[in-house]
Amino acid sequence: MCLGIPGRIVEITDAANKLGMVDVVGVRRQINLACVVDEQHPVDSCVGDWVLVHVGFAMSRINENEARLTLNLLTELGEAQAEIEAMRMAESTGAA
């Protein structure tokens, strides 16, 4: 199943390449921010933003309340755990 999971951007790791570190319930992973930045919302202003993450890309910005509701719902459905485990596996193997 393709799933966007909420995460919070905690660090900009490479502003020139629009890369940042996102935290998804304690799991951190570098993601591409190109889809959520523009002239009105540059890369450097993304720290603290909540985004939907899918296969290494931040697909859209969401507000904190929406992120928490979505995480709670996904957890209840058991979907979040599979995505988090996939991120952990990718992180431990160095896969993007």
C-alpha atoms as a PDB file:
ATOM      1  CA  MET A   1       0.000   0.000   0.000  1.00  0.00           C
ATOM      2  CA  CYS A   2       1.290   3.456  -0.842  1.00  0.00           C
ATOM      3  CA  LEU A   3       1.036   5.648   2.181  1.00  0.00           C
ATOM      4  CA  GLY A   4       2.024   9.191   3.082  1.00  0.00           C
ATOM      5  CA  ILE A   5       2.967   9.370   6.715  1.00  0.00           C
ATOM      6  CA  PRO A   6       3.191  12.587   8.746  1.00  0.00           C
ATOM      7  CA  GLY A   7       6.603  13.722   9.904  1.00  0.00           C
ATOM      8  CA  ARG A   8       8.093  16.913  11.282  1.00  0.00           C
ATOM      9  CA  ILE A   9      11.083  18.580   9.619  1.00  0.00           C
ATOM     10  CA  VAL A  10      13.734  18.957  12.313  1.00  0.00           C
ATOM     11  CA  GLU A  11      16.760  20.072  10.303  1.00  0.00           C
ATOM     12  CA  ILE A  12      17.791  21.307   6.879  1.00  0.00           C
ATOM     13  CA  THR A  13      20.692  19.080   5.876  1.00  0.00           C
ATOM     14  CA  ASP A  14      21.433  20.453   2.396  1.00  0.00           C
ATOM     15  CA  ALA A  15      19.591  23.636   1.453  1.00  0.00           C
ATOM     16  CA  ALA A  16      21.084  23.773  -2.056  1.00  0.00           C
ATOM     17  CA  ASN A  17      19.643  20.334  -2.866  1.00  0.00           C
ATOM     18  CA  LYS A  18      16.446  20.897  -0.832  1.00  0.00           C
ATOM     19  CA  LEU A  19      17.152  18.100   1.639  1.00  0.00           C
ATOM     20  CA  GLY A  20      16.013  17.971   5.227  1.00  0.00           C
ATOM     21  CA  MET A  21      15.778  15.599   8.165  1.00  0.00           C
ATOM     22  CA  VAL A  22      12.274  14.533   9.166  1.00  0.00           C
ATOM     23  CA  ASP A  23      11.216  12.893  12.433  1.00  0.00           C
ATOM     24  CA  VAL A  24       8.422  10.342  12.217  1.00  0.00           C
ATOM     25  CA  VAL A  25       7.548   9.218  15.753  1.00  0.00           C
ATOM     26  CA  GLY A  26      11.210   9.079  16.737  1.00  0.00           C
ATOM     27  CA  VAL A  27      12.638   7.739  13.480  1.00  0.00           C
ATOM     28  CA  ARG A  28      14.705  10.288  11.574  1.00  0.00           C
ATOM     29  CA  ARG A  29      15.371  10.179   7.883  1.00  0.00           C
ATOM     30  CA  GLN A  30      16.656  12.555   5.249  1.00  0.00           C
ATOM     31  CA  ILE A  31      13.997  13.508   2.730  1.00  0.00           C
ATOM     32  CA  ASN A  32      13.692  15.661  -0.351  1.00  0.00           C
ATOM     33  CA  LEU A  33      11.724  18.876   0.238  1.00  0.00           C
ATOM     34  CA  ALA A  34      11.418  20.027  -3.383  1.00  0.00           C
ATOM     35  CA  CYS A  35       7.639  19.487  -3.502  1.00  0.00           C
ATOM     36  CA  VAL A  36       6.914  21.675  -0.464  1.00  0.00           C
ATOM     37  CA  VAL A  37       9.144  24.696  -1.061  1.00  0.00           C
ATOM     38  CA  ASP A  38       8.689  27.731  -3.268  1.00  0.00           C
ATOM     39  CA  GLU A  39       9.562  31.433  -3.238  1.00  0.00           C
ATOM     40  CA  GLN A  40       7.014  32.154  -0.493  1.00  0.00           C
ATOM     41  CA  HIS A  41       8.151  29.180   1.622  1.00  0.00           C
ATOM     42  CA  PRO A  42      11.904  28.659   1.067  1.00  0.00           C
ATOM     43  CA  VAL A  43      13.882  25.657   2.303  1.00  0.00           C
ATOM     44  CA  ASP A  44      15.314  27.495   5.290  1.00  0.00           C
ATOM     45  CA  SER A  45      11.809  28.203   6.632  1.00  0.00           C
ATOM     46  CA  CYS A  46      10.762  24.517   6.716  1.00  0.00           C
ATOM     47  CA  VAL A  47      12.160  23.519  10.114  1.00  0.00           C
ATOM     48  CA  GLY A  48       9.196  22.756  12.344  1.00  0.00           C
ATOM     49  CA  ASP A  49       6.803  22.126   9.443  1.00  0.00           C
ATOM     50  CA  TRP A  50       4.710  18.966   9.381  1.00  0.00           C
ATOM     51  CA  VAL A  51       4.691  17.174   6.042  1.00  0.00           C
ATOM     52  CA  LEU A  52       3.333  14.003   4.489  1.00  0.00           C
ATOM     53  CA  VAL A  53       6.300  11.783   3.594  1.00  0.00           C
ATOM     54  CA  HIS A  54       6.232   9.175   0.853  1.00  0.00           C
ATOM     55  CA  VAL A  55       9.256   7.275  -0.516  1.00  0.00           C
ATOM     56  CA  GLY A  56      11.757   9.873   0.602  1.00  0.00           C
ATOM     57  CA  PHE A  57       9.831  12.953  -0.509  1.00  0.00           C
ATOM     58  CA  ALA A  58       7.776  15.461   1.445  1.00  0.00           C
ATOM     59  CA  MET A  59       4.624  15.499  -0.682  1.00  0.00           C
ATOM     60  CA  SER A  60       2.699  18.316   1.064  1.00  0.00           C
ATOM     61  CA  ARG A  61       2.689  20.455   4.190  1.00  0.00           C
ATOM     62  CA  ILE A  62      -0.003  19.746   6.779  1.00  0.00           C
ATOM     63  CA  ASN A  63      -0.806  21.366  10.098  1.00  0.00           C
ATOM     64  CA  GLU A  64       0.195  19.784  13.413  1.00  0.00           C
ATOM     65  CA  ASN A  65      -3.347  18.843  14.381  1.00  0.00           C
ATOM     66  CA  GLU A  66      -3.921  17.083  11.074  1.00  0.00           C
ATOM     67  CA  ALA A  67      -0.576  15.288  11.467  1.00  0.00           C
ATOM     68  CA  ARG A  68      -1.423  14.022  14.949  1.00  0.00           C
ATOM     69  CA  LEU A  69      -4.903  12.910  13.952  1.00  0.00           C
ATOM     70  CA  THR A  70      -3.479  11.068  10.952  1.00  0.00           C
ATOM     71  CA  LEU A  71      -0.735   9.387  13.009  1.00  0.00           C
ATOM     72  CA  ASN A  72      -3.279   8.302  15.602  1.00  0.00           C
ATOM     73  CA  LEU A  73      -5.591   6.907  12.944  1.00  0.00           C
ATOM     74  CA  LEU A  74      -2.766   5.094  11.134  1.00  0.00           C
ATOM     75  CA  THR A  75      -1.543   3.662  14.422  1.00  0.00           C
ATOM     76  CA  GLU A  76      -5.026   2.390  15.192  1.00  0.00           C
ATOM     77  CA  LEU A  77      -5.171   0.796  11.790  1.00  0.00           C
ATOM     78  CA  GLY A  78      -1.722  -0.717  12.204  1.00  0.00           C
ATOM     79  CA  GLU A  79      -0.502   0.953   9.019  1.00  0.00           C
ATOM     80  CA  ALA A  80       1.984   3.341  10.573  1.00  0.00           C
ATOM     81  CA  GLN A  81       4.047   0.579  12.122  1.00  0.00           C
ATOM     82  CA  ALA A  82       4.778  -1.030   8.758  1.00  0.00           C
ATOM     83  CA  GLU A  83       5.876   2.300   7.256  1.00  0.00           C
ATOM     84  CA  ILE A  84       8.023   3.155  10.299  1.00  0.00           C
ATOM     85  CA  GLU A  85       9.664  -0.272  10.179  1.00  0.00           C
ATOM     86  CA  ALA A  86      10.361   0.230   6.459  1.00  0.00           C
ATOM     87  CA  MET A  87      12.010   3.567   7.258  1.00  0.00           C
ATOM     88  CA  ARG A  88      14.071   1.939  10.032  1.00  0.00           C
ATOM     89  CA  MET A  89      15.196  -0.813   7.656  1.00  0.00           C
ATOM     90  CA  ALA A  90      16.142   1.713   4.984  1.00  0.00           C
ATOM     91  CA  GLU A  91      18.013   3.785   7.565  1.00  0.00           C
ATOM     92  CA  SER A  92      19.958   0.795   8.883  1.00  0.00           C
ATOM     93  CA  THR A  93      20.896  -0.433   5.398  1.00  0.00           C
ATOM     94  CA  GLY A  94      21.638   3.043   4.042  1.00  0.00           C
ATOM     95  CA  ALA A  95      18.960   2.723   1.358  1.00  0.00           C
ATOM     96  CA  ALA A  96      17.132   5.878   0.405  1.00  0.00           C
END
